[in-house]
Amino acid sequence: MTARDDMKIDSPLFRAVITRTWRANPDAPEWSGRHKSGSVTYVYGPYVTPGPAKAWITREKNEAARRDDGLSTVTGVIETCQPAWAPLES
């Protein structure tokens, strides 16, 4: 369910912020990019309830556990905001 579905006038919005971090793998070939450490952050949302955001975090953590290469970790948080709507000048 996206923010377009069932959104009320003063509804808060929610999103999932997921960060995947990995350590360098000295055994990986240099062309693969896995010989370096790094991280990437993904944002999913907005949603009108926290449920879909929580589901994204669970999905990403389960996928990381399934791979369990010992080199990467996944963390996730749910963020919320109260939008302040204003007319857009045309």
C-alpha atoms as a PDB file:
ATOM      1  CA  MET A   1       0.000   0.000   0.000  1.00  0.00           C
ATOM      2  CA  THR A   2       1.529   3.296  -1.041  1.00  0.00           C
ATOM      3  CA  ALA A   3       0.830   6.753   0.321  1.00  0.00           C
ATOM      4  CA  ARG A   4      -1.788   7.238  -2.392  1.00  0.00           C
ATOM      5  CA  ASP A   5      -3.979   4.495  -0.922  1.00  0.00           C
ATOM      6  CA  ASP A   6      -6.291   5.441   1.952  1.00  0.00           C
ATOM      7  CA  MET A   7      -4.359   8.565   2.888  1.00  0.00           C
ATOM      8  CA  LYS A   8      -6.214  10.932   5.205  1.00  0.00           C
ATOM      9  CA  ILE A   9      -5.637  14.679   5.420  1.00  0.00           C
ATOM     10  CA  ASP A  10      -3.300  14.712   8.433  1.00  0.00           C
ATOM     11  CA  SER A  11      -1.928  11.177   8.135  1.00  0.00           C
ATOM     12  CA  PRO A  12       1.681  10.524   9.067  1.00  0.00           C
ATOM     13  CA  LEU A  13       3.832   8.762   6.482  1.00  0.00           C
ATOM     14  CA  PHE A  14       6.299   5.915   7.014  1.00  0.00           C
ATOM     15  CA  ARG A  15       9.286   4.580   5.092  1.00  0.00           C
ATOM     16  CA  ALA A  16      11.904   1.875   5.443  1.00  0.00           C
ATOM     17  CA  VAL A  17      15.557   2.905   5.419  1.00  0.00           C
ATOM     18  CA  ILE A  18      17.755  -0.142   4.886  1.00  0.00           C
ATOM     19  CA  THR A  19      21.559  -0.137   4.888  1.00  0.00           C
ATOM     20  CA  ARG A  20      23.625  -3.022   3.596  1.00  0.00           C
ATOM     21  CA  THR A  21      27.281  -2.919   4.693  1.00  0.00           C
ATOM     22  CA  TRP A  22      30.014  -5.311   3.606  1.00  0.00           C
ATOM     23  CA  ARG A  23      33.611  -5.955   4.570  1.00  0.00           C
ATOM     24  CA  ALA A  24      36.355  -6.339   2.029  1.00  0.00           C
ATOM     25  CA  ASN A  25      36.854  -9.857   0.698  1.00  0.00           C
ATOM     26  CA  PRO A  26      40.563 -10.218  -0.158  1.00  0.00           C
ATOM     27  CA  ASP A  27      39.839 -13.481  -2.007  1.00  0.00           C
ATOM     28  CA  ALA A  28      37.426 -11.842  -4.467  1.00  0.00           C
ATOM     29  CA  PRO A  29      38.730 -10.801  -7.863  1.00  0.00           C
ATOM     30  CA  GLU A  30      39.359  -7.083  -8.172  1.00  0.00           C
ATOM     31  CA  TRP A  31      37.008  -6.730 -11.158  1.00  0.00           C
ATOM     32  CA  SER A  32      34.060  -7.901  -8.990  1.00  0.00           C
ATOM     33  CA  GLY A  33      34.235  -4.902  -6.655  1.00  0.00           C
ATOM     34  CA  ARG A  34      33.832  -7.237  -3.663  1.00  0.00           C
ATOM     35  CA  HIS A  35      37.483  -6.832  -2.692  1.00  0.00           C
ATOM     36  CA  LYS A  36      36.574  -3.410  -1.222  1.00  0.00           C
ATOM     37  CA  SER A  37      34.388  -2.602   1.774  1.00  0.00           C
ATOM     38  CA  GLY A  38      31.393  -0.323   1.434  1.00  0.00           C
ATOM     39  CA  SER A  39      27.736   0.283   2.083  1.00  0.00           C
ATOM     40  CA  VAL A  40      24.578   1.223   0.264  1.00  0.00           C
ATOM     41  CA  THR A  41      21.312   2.628   1.611  1.00  0.00           C
ATOM     42  CA  TYR A  42      17.877   2.000   0.111  1.00  0.00           C
ATOM     43  CA  VAL A  43      14.653   3.834   0.935  1.00  0.00           C
ATOM     44  CA  TYR A  44      11.230   2.247   0.381  1.00  0.00           C
ATOM     45  CA  GLY A  45       8.020   4.211   0.779  1.00  0.00           C
ATOM     46  CA  PRO A  46       6.229   6.345   1.689  1.00  0.00           C
ATOM     47  CA  TYR A  47       3.425   4.266   3.161  1.00  0.00           C
ATOM     48  CA  VAL A  48       0.382   5.263   5.235  1.00  0.00           C
ATOM     49  CA  THR A  49       1.048   2.528   7.825  1.00  0.00           C
ATOM     50  CA  PRO A  50       4.352   1.191   9.179  1.00  0.00           C
ATOM     51  CA  GLY A  51       3.515  -2.403   8.140  1.00  0.00           C
ATOM     52  CA  PRO A  52       4.898  -2.320   4.577  1.00  0.00           C
ATOM     53  CA  ALA A  53       8.088  -0.610   5.768  1.00  0.00           C
ATOM     54  CA  LYS A  54       8.571  -3.285   8.431  1.00  0.00           C
ATOM     55  CA  ALA A  55       7.994  -5.960   5.788  1.00  0.00           C
ATOM     56  CA  TRP A  56      10.786  -4.528   3.612  1.00  0.00           C
ATOM     57  CA  ILE A  57      13.205  -4.588   6.532  1.00  0.00           C
ATOM     58  CA  THR A  58      12.271  -8.175   7.400  1.00  0.00           C
ATOM     59  CA  ARG A  59      12.607  -9.245   3.768  1.00  0.00           C
ATOM     60  CA  GLU A  60      16.089  -7.708   3.404  1.00  0.00           C
ATOM     61  CA  LYS A  61      17.315  -9.189   6.700  1.00  0.00           C
ATOM     62  CA  ASN A  62      15.968 -12.629   5.757  1.00  0.00           C
ATOM     63  CA  GLU A  63      17.672 -12.425   2.372  1.00  0.00           C
ATOM     64  CA  ALA A  64      20.975 -11.484   4.032  1.00  0.00           C
ATOM     65  CA  ALA A  65      20.615 -14.380   6.488  1.00  0.00           C
ATOM     66  CA  ARG A  66      19.905 -16.757   3.608  1.00  0.00           C
ATOM     67  CA  ARG A  67      23.132 -15.690   1.850  1.00  0.00           C
ATOM     68  CA  ASP A  68      25.120 -15.521   5.116  1.00  0.00           C
ATOM     69  CA  ASP A  69      28.485 -14.903   3.503  1.00  0.00           C
ATOM     70  CA  GLY A  70      29.919 -13.617   6.793  1.00  0.00           C
ATOM     71  CA  LEU A  71      30.978 -10.420   5.069  1.00  0.00           C
ATOM     72  CA  SER A  72      27.784  -8.357   4.960  1.00  0.00           C
ATOM     73  CA  THR A  73      25.229  -7.027   7.420  1.00  0.00           C
ATOM     74  CA  VAL A  74      21.817  -5.446   6.936  1.00  0.00           C
ATOM     75  CA  THR A  75      20.243  -2.911   9.268  1.00  0.00           C
ATOM     76  CA  GLY A  76      16.927  -1.158   8.917  1.00  0.00           C
ATOM     77  CA  VAL A  77      14.815   1.473  10.607  1.00  0.00           C
ATOM     78  CA  ILE A  78      11.325   2.793  10.057  1.00  0.00           C
ATOM     79  CA  GLU A  79      11.144   6.557   9.762  1.00  0.00           C
ATOM     80  CA  THR A  80       7.984   8.612  10.088  1.00  0.00           C
ATOM     81  CA  CYS A  81       7.071  12.158   9.187  1.00  0.00           C
ATOM     82  CA  GLN A  82       4.089  14.433   9.410  1.00  0.00           C
ATOM     83  CA  PRO A  83       3.915  16.209   6.059  1.00  0.00           C
ATOM     84  CA  ALA A  84       3.021  19.873   5.894  1.00  0.00           C
ATOM     85  CA  TRP A  85       1.028  20.312   2.720  1.00  0.00           C
ATOM     86  CA  ALA A  86       0.980  23.618   0.861  1.00  0.00           C
ATOM     87  CA  PRO A  87      -0.424  24.647  -2.503  1.00  0.00           C
ATOM     88  CA  LEU A  88       2.018  24.454  -5.388  1.00  0.00           C
ATOM     89  CA  GLU A  89       2.261  27.686  -7.323  1.00  0.00           C
ATOM     90  CA  SER A  90       1.643  27.189 -11.022  1.00  0.00           C
END
